[in-house]
Amino acid sequence: QVQPVESGGGLVQAGGSLRLSCATSGSIFSMYGMGWYRQSPGKQRELVALITSDGTTNYADSVKGRFTISRDSAKNTVFLQMSSLKPEDTGVYYCKAELTALLRGGYWGQGTQVTVSS
């Protein structure tokens, strides 16, 4: 079992940057991939970025060109570098260890709050 733990959230002004970290208790390569999700006020939780075990990355259209997902395999840690932040990026960001390409099931972290002020 892989248990993700997020860190790095906070308050930032629009246009600023933040880097989120997701440390896992097990090998990230034992999973299909690792995903970053966010839940903004009044909205459903959405997938923001995904990195698979072979290094393939995917992004939501709303964050392409601004967010970058990466990993440190030796430390079993996944990162989300967020730049050019907008107020609509505000939300709770969750890290999830994905079991399969269907992105069902898996293991969720507890979430970290990101607030972008205008």
N, C-alpha and C. Protein backbone atom coordinates (compact mmCIF):
# COMPACT_ATOMS: atom_id res chain seq x y z
N GLN A 1 0.84 -1.19 0.00
CA GLN A 1 0.00 0.00 0.00
C GLN A 1 0.88 1.24 0.00
N VAL A 2 0.43 2.26 -0.75
CA VAL A 2 1.18 3.51 -0.86
C VAL A 2 0.35 4.60 -0.22
N GLN A 3 0.88 5.27 0.76
CA GLN A 3 0.16 6.34 1.43
C GLN A 3 0.79 7.68 1.09
N PRO A 4 0.09 8.52 0.29
CA PRO A 4 0.64 9.84 -0.05
C PRO A 4 0.43 10.86 1.06
N VAL A 5 1.40 11.75 1.22
CA VAL A 5 1.30 12.85 2.16
C VAL A 5 1.74 14.13 1.44
N GLU A 6 0.80 15.08 1.32
CA GLU A 6 1.08 16.32 0.60
C GLU A 6 1.64 17.38 1.52
N SER A 7 2.38 18.31 0.92
CA SER A 7 2.86 19.49 1.64
C SER A 7 3.14 20.59 0.62
N GLY A 8 3.29 21.81 1.12
CA GLY A 8 3.69 22.91 0.25
C GLY A 8 2.61 23.90 -0.11
N GLY A 9 1.40 23.67 0.34
CA GLY A 9 0.34 24.61 0.03
C GLY A 9 0.51 25.92 0.80
N GLY A 10 -0.33 26.89 0.46
CA GLY A 10 -0.26 28.17 1.15
C GLY A 10 -1.00 29.25 0.42
N LEU A 11 -0.74 30.47 0.82
CA LEU A 11 -1.36 31.65 0.22
C LEU A 11 -0.35 32.35 -0.67
N VAL A 12 -0.78 32.66 -1.88
CA VAL A 12 0.12 33.31 -2.84
C VAL A 12 -0.69 34.31 -3.66
N GLN A 13 -0.03 35.35 -4.12
CA GLN A 13 -0.71 36.33 -4.97
C GLN A 13 -0.80 35.82 -6.40
N ALA A 14 -1.77 36.31 -7.11
CA ALA A 14 -1.91 35.96 -8.52
C ALA A 14 -0.62 36.28 -9.26
N GLY A 15 -0.23 35.37 -10.13
CA GLY A 15 1.03 35.51 -10.86
C GLY A 15 2.21 34.84 -10.18
N GLY A 16 2.01 34.44 -8.94
CA GLY A 16 3.09 33.82 -8.18
C GLY A 16 3.22 32.33 -8.44
N SER A 17 4.11 31.70 -7.67
CA SER A 17 4.40 30.28 -7.85
C SER A 17 4.38 29.55 -6.52
N LEU A 18 4.09 28.27 -6.60
CA LEU A 18 4.16 27.37 -5.45
C LEU A 18 4.61 26.01 -5.95
N ARG A 19 5.27 25.26 -5.08
CA ARG A 19 5.60 23.88 -5.41
C ARG A 19 5.03 22.96 -4.35
N LEU A 20 4.20 22.06 -4.79
CA LEU A 20 3.63 21.06 -3.90
C LEU A 20 4.46 19.79 -3.95
N SER A 21 4.55 19.12 -2.82
CA SER A 21 5.26 17.85 -2.74
C SER A 21 4.31 16.76 -2.26
N CYS A 22 4.55 15.56 -2.73
CA CYS A 22 3.76 14.40 -2.31
C CYS A 22 4.74 13.27 -2.01
N ALA A 23 4.94 12.99 -0.75
CA ALA A 23 5.82 11.91 -0.34
C ALA A 23 4.99 10.66 -0.11
N THR A 24 5.50 9.53 -0.57
CA THR A 24 4.74 8.28 -0.42
C THR A 24 5.51 7.30 0.45
N SER A 25 4.74 6.41 1.08
CA SER A 25 5.33 5.43 1.98
C SER A 25 5.88 4.23 1.25
N GLY A 26 5.53 4.10 -0.03
CA GLY A 26 6.01 2.98 -0.82
C GLY A 26 6.54 3.45 -2.15
N SER A 27 6.98 2.52 -2.97
CA SER A 27 7.55 2.86 -4.26
C SER A 27 6.47 3.38 -5.22
N ILE A 28 6.73 4.54 -5.81
CA ILE A 28 5.77 5.09 -6.76
C ILE A 28 5.74 4.25 -8.04
N PHE A 29 6.75 3.45 -8.25
CA PHE A 29 6.79 2.62 -9.46
C PHE A 29 5.93 1.36 -9.32
N SER A 30 5.45 1.12 -8.12
CA SER A 30 4.54 0.00 -7.93
C SER A 30 3.12 0.35 -8.36
N MET A 31 2.91 1.64 -8.67
CA MET A 31 1.59 2.12 -9.08
C MET A 31 1.57 2.40 -10.57
N TYR A 32 0.35 2.52 -11.13
CA TYR A 32 0.23 2.93 -12.53
C TYR A 32 0.82 4.33 -12.69
N GLY A 33 0.55 5.18 -11.72
CA GLY A 33 1.05 6.55 -11.79
C GLY A 33 0.67 7.32 -10.55
N MET A 34 1.00 8.60 -10.57
CA MET A 34 0.65 9.49 -9.47
C MET A 34 -0.06 10.70 -10.04
N GLY A 35 -1.16 11.07 -9.40
CA GLY A 35 -1.93 12.19 -9.91
C GLY A 35 -2.08 13.29 -8.89
N TRP A 36 -2.20 14.51 -9.39
CA TRP A 36 -2.57 15.66 -8.57
C TRP A 36 -3.98 16.08 -8.98
N TYR A 37 -4.84 16.19 -7.99
CA TYR A 37 -6.21 16.62 -8.19
C TYR A 37 -6.45 17.89 -7.38
N ARG A 38 -7.46 18.62 -7.76
CA ARG A 38 -7.85 19.76 -6.93
C ARG A 38 -9.37 19.82 -6.83
N GLN A 39 -9.80 20.34 -5.71
CA GLN A 39 -11.22 20.59 -5.51
C GLN A 39 -11.39 22.04 -5.14
N SER A 40 -11.96 22.78 -6.05
CA SER A 40 -12.20 24.20 -5.84
C SER A 40 -13.58 24.39 -5.23
N PRO A 41 -13.79 25.49 -4.52
CA PRO A 41 -15.09 25.73 -3.88
C PRO A 41 -16.25 25.62 -4.87
N GLY A 42 -17.23 24.80 -4.52
CA GLY A 42 -18.41 24.64 -5.35
C GLY A 42 -18.22 23.79 -6.59
N LYS A 43 -17.05 23.17 -6.73
CA LYS A 43 -16.79 22.36 -7.93
C LYS A 43 -16.42 20.94 -7.54
N GLN A 44 -16.53 20.06 -8.53
CA GLN A 44 -16.12 18.68 -8.31
C GLN A 44 -14.61 18.57 -8.34
N ARG A 45 -14.11 17.55 -7.69
CA ARG A 45 -12.68 17.29 -7.72
C ARG A 45 -12.28 16.95 -9.16
N GLU A 46 -11.17 17.54 -9.61
CA GLU A 46 -10.74 17.33 -10.98
C GLU A 46 -9.26 16.95 -11.03
N LEU A 47 -8.91 16.17 -12.04
CA LEU A 47 -7.52 15.80 -12.25
C LEU A 47 -6.79 16.99 -12.87
N VAL A 48 -5.68 17.36 -12.26
CA VAL A 48 -4.89 18.49 -12.73
C VAL A 48 -3.68 18.00 -13.54
N ALA A 49 -2.99 16.99 -13.01
CA ALA A 49 -1.79 16.49 -13.68
C ALA A 49 -1.56 15.04 -13.28
N LEU A 50 -0.95 14.30 -14.19
CA LEU A 50 -0.69 12.88 -13.96
C LEU A 50 0.68 12.54 -14.50
N ILE A 51 1.41 11.73 -13.76
CA ILE A 51 2.66 11.18 -14.27
C ILE A 51 2.60 9.67 -14.08
N THR A 52 2.80 8.94 -15.18
CA THR A 52 2.74 7.48 -15.11
C THR A 52 4.11 6.90 -14.76
N SER A 53 4.14 5.61 -14.50
CA SER A 53 5.38 4.97 -14.07
C SER A 53 6.46 5.05 -15.14
N ASP A 54 6.06 5.19 -16.42
CA ASP A 54 7.07 5.31 -17.48
C ASP A 54 7.44 6.75 -17.77
N GLY A 55 6.91 7.68 -16.98
CA GLY A 55 7.28 9.08 -17.10
C GLY A 55 6.37 9.92 -17.98
N THR A 56 5.36 9.32 -18.55
CA THR A 56 4.42 10.09 -19.36
C THR A 56 3.63 11.05 -18.48
N THR A 57 3.47 12.28 -18.98
CA THR A 57 2.72 13.27 -18.21
C THR A 57 1.50 13.75 -18.98
N ASN A 58 0.47 14.10 -18.25
CA ASN A 58 -0.74 14.66 -18.82
C ASN A 58 -1.25 15.78 -17.93
N TYR A 59 -1.85 16.79 -18.55
CA TYR A 59 -2.32 17.95 -17.80
C TYR A 59 -3.74 18.32 -18.22
N ALA A 60 -4.45 18.89 -17.28
CA ALA A 60 -5.73 19.50 -17.62
C ALA A 60 -5.46 20.72 -18.49
N ASP A 61 -6.37 20.99 -19.41
CA ASP A 61 -6.18 22.13 -20.31
C ASP A 61 -6.00 23.44 -19.55
N SER A 62 -6.65 23.55 -18.43
CA SER A 62 -6.63 24.80 -17.67
C SER A 62 -5.26 25.10 -17.05
N VAL A 63 -4.38 24.10 -16.97
CA VAL A 63 -3.08 24.32 -16.33
C VAL A 63 -1.91 24.09 -17.27
N LYS A 64 -2.17 23.68 -18.50
CA LYS A 64 -1.09 23.42 -19.44
C LYS A 64 -0.24 24.67 -19.64
N GLY A 65 1.07 24.47 -19.61
CA GLY A 65 1.98 25.59 -19.78
C GLY A 65 2.27 26.34 -18.49
N ARG A 66 1.52 26.05 -17.43
CA ARG A 66 1.73 26.75 -16.15
C ARG A 66 2.16 25.78 -15.04
N PHE A 67 1.69 24.56 -15.09
CA PHE A 67 2.00 23.57 -14.05
C PHE A 67 2.90 22.50 -14.65
N THR A 68 3.79 21.98 -13.81
CA THR A 68 4.66 20.89 -14.22
C THR A 68 4.69 19.82 -13.14
N ILE A 69 4.41 18.59 -13.52
CA ILE A 69 4.49 17.46 -12.59
C ILE A 69 5.82 16.75 -12.82
N SER A 70 6.46 16.37 -11.73
CA SER A 70 7.75 15.67 -11.83
C SER A 70 7.89 14.74 -10.64
N ARG A 71 8.98 14.01 -10.61
CA ARG A 71 9.16 13.07 -9.51
C ARG A 71 10.64 12.91 -9.18
N ASP A 72 10.87 12.51 -7.95
CA ASP A 72 12.19 12.10 -7.48
C ASP A 72 12.04 10.64 -7.09
N SER A 73 12.46 9.76 -7.97
CA SER A 73 12.23 8.34 -7.76
C SER A 73 12.93 7.82 -6.52
N ALA A 74 14.12 8.31 -6.27
CA ALA A 74 14.89 7.84 -5.12
C ALA A 74 14.20 8.15 -3.80
N LYS A 75 13.44 9.25 -3.79
CA LYS A 75 12.76 9.67 -2.57
C LYS A 75 11.27 9.33 -2.59
N ASN A 76 10.82 8.64 -3.64
CA ASN A 76 9.39 8.32 -3.77
C ASN A 76 8.52 9.55 -3.55
N THR A 77 8.90 10.61 -4.23
CA THR A 77 8.20 11.89 -4.06
C THR A 77 7.82 12.44 -5.43
N VAL A 78 6.63 13.00 -5.49
CA VAL A 78 6.12 13.63 -6.70
C VAL A 78 5.89 15.10 -6.41
N PHE A 79 6.16 15.94 -7.38
CA PHE A 79 6.03 17.38 -7.20
C PHE A 79 5.03 17.96 -8.20
N LEU A 80 4.48 19.09 -7.81
CA LEU A 80 3.67 19.86 -8.74
C LEU A 80 4.16 21.30 -8.65
N GLN A 81 4.88 21.72 -9.66
CA GLN A 81 5.35 23.11 -9.74
C GLN A 81 4.26 23.94 -10.41
N MET A 82 3.78 24.94 -9.69
CA MET A 82 2.68 25.77 -10.20
C MET A 82 3.19 27.18 -10.38
N SER A 83 3.03 27.69 -11.58
CA SER A 83 3.48 29.05 -11.89
C SER A 83 2.34 29.84 -12.51
N SER A 84 2.53 31.15 -12.58
CA SER A 84 1.50 32.04 -13.14
C SER A 84 0.14 31.72 -12.55
N LEU A 85 0.11 31.60 -11.24
CA LEU A 85 -1.11 31.18 -10.57
C LEU A 85 -2.22 32.21 -10.72
N LYS A 86 -3.45 31.69 -10.80
CA LYS A 86 -4.64 32.51 -10.96
C LYS A 86 -5.58 32.27 -9.79
N PRO A 87 -6.45 33.21 -9.48
CA PRO A 87 -7.40 32.98 -8.39
C PRO A 87 -8.22 31.71 -8.58
N GLU A 88 -8.50 31.35 -9.81
CA GLU A 88 -9.29 30.13 -10.06
C GLU A 88 -8.51 28.84 -9.80
N ASP A 89 -7.22 28.95 -9.51
CA ASP A 89 -6.44 27.78 -9.11
C ASP A 89 -6.63 27.46 -7.63
N THR A 90 -7.32 28.32 -6.93
CA THR A 90 -7.57 28.11 -5.51
C THR A 90 -8.34 26.82 -5.27
N GLY A 91 -7.92 26.09 -4.25
CA GLY A 91 -8.61 24.86 -3.91
C GLY A 91 -7.75 23.98 -3.02
N VAL A 92 -8.29 22.84 -2.69
CA VAL A 92 -7.52 21.83 -1.96
C VAL A 92 -6.92 20.89 -2.99
N TYR A 93 -5.62 20.71 -2.92
CA TYR A 93 -4.91 19.87 -3.86
C TYR A 93 -4.59 18.53 -3.19
N TYR A 94 -4.97 17.48 -3.89
CA TYR A 94 -4.79 16.13 -3.38
C TYR A 94 -3.83 15.35 -4.28
N CYS A 95 -3.01 14.56 -3.67
CA CYS A 95 -2.15 13.63 -4.37
C CYS A 95 -2.81 12.25 -4.29
N LYS A 96 -2.75 11.52 -5.37
CA LYS A 96 -3.35 10.20 -5.40
C LYS A 96 -2.43 9.21 -6.09
N ALA A 97 -2.26 8.06 -5.46
CA ALA A 97 -1.52 6.97 -6.07
C ALA A 97 -2.52 6.16 -6.90
N GLU A 98 -2.30 6.14 -8.21
CA GLU A 98 -3.25 5.51 -9.12
C GLU A 98 -2.91 4.03 -9.32
N LEU A 99 -3.96 3.20 -9.22
CA LEU A 99 -3.75 1.77 -9.39
C LEU A 99 -3.73 1.35 -10.86
N THR A 100 -4.61 1.96 -11.66
CA THR A 100 -4.73 1.58 -13.06
C THR A 100 -4.97 2.82 -13.92
N ALA A 101 -4.94 2.60 -15.23
CA ALA A 101 -5.20 3.69 -16.17
C ALA A 101 -6.63 4.20 -16.10
N LEU A 102 -7.51 3.43 -15.49
CA LEU A 102 -8.90 3.88 -15.33
C LEU A 102 -9.02 4.94 -14.24
N LEU A 103 -7.97 5.12 -13.45
CA LEU A 103 -7.93 6.12 -12.37
C LEU A 103 -9.03 5.91 -11.35
N ARG A 104 -9.40 4.66 -11.15
CA ARG A 104 -10.38 4.33 -10.12
C ARG A 104 -9.66 3.70 -8.94
N GLY A 105 -10.27 3.84 -7.78
CA GLY A 105 -9.62 3.31 -6.58
C GLY A 105 -8.36 4.11 -6.30
N GLY A 106 -7.35 3.45 -5.79
CA GLY A 106 -6.11 4.14 -5.48
C GLY A 106 -6.08 4.67 -4.07
N TYR A 107 -5.03 5.43 -3.77
CA TYR A 107 -4.81 5.92 -2.41
C TYR A 107 -4.66 7.43 -2.43
N TRP A 108 -5.51 8.08 -1.62
CA TRP A 108 -5.53 9.54 -1.55
C TRP A 108 -4.72 10.07 -0.37
N GLY A 109 -4.11 11.22 -0.59
CA GLY A 109 -3.53 11.95 0.51
C GLY A 109 -4.60 12.78 1.19
N GLN A 110 -4.21 13.53 2.21
CA GLN A 110 -5.17 14.28 3.00
C GLN A 110 -5.48 15.66 2.40
N GLY A 111 -4.66 16.08 1.45
CA GLY A 111 -4.88 17.36 0.77
C GLY A 111 -4.11 18.50 1.39
N THR A 112 -3.84 19.50 0.57
CA THR A 112 -3.18 20.72 1.03
C THR A 112 -3.86 21.91 0.36
N GLN A 113 -4.11 22.95 1.15
CA GLN A 113 -4.86 24.11 0.66
C GLN A 113 -3.94 25.06 -0.11
N VAL A 114 -4.41 25.47 -1.28
CA VAL A 114 -3.75 26.50 -2.06
C VAL A 114 -4.75 27.64 -2.26
N THR A 115 -4.35 28.83 -1.87
CA THR A 115 -5.20 29.99 -2.03
C THR A 115 -4.44 31.05 -2.83
N VAL A 116 -5.04 31.47 -3.93
CA VAL A 116 -4.44 32.48 -4.79
C VAL A 116 -5.28 33.75 -4.69
N SER A 117 -4.67 34.81 -4.20
CA SER A 117 -5.38 36.07 -4.04
C SER A 117 -5.20 36.95 -5.27
N SER A 118 -6.23 37.72 -5.54
CA SER A 118 -6.17 38.60 -6.73
C SER A 118 -5.60 39.96 -6.39
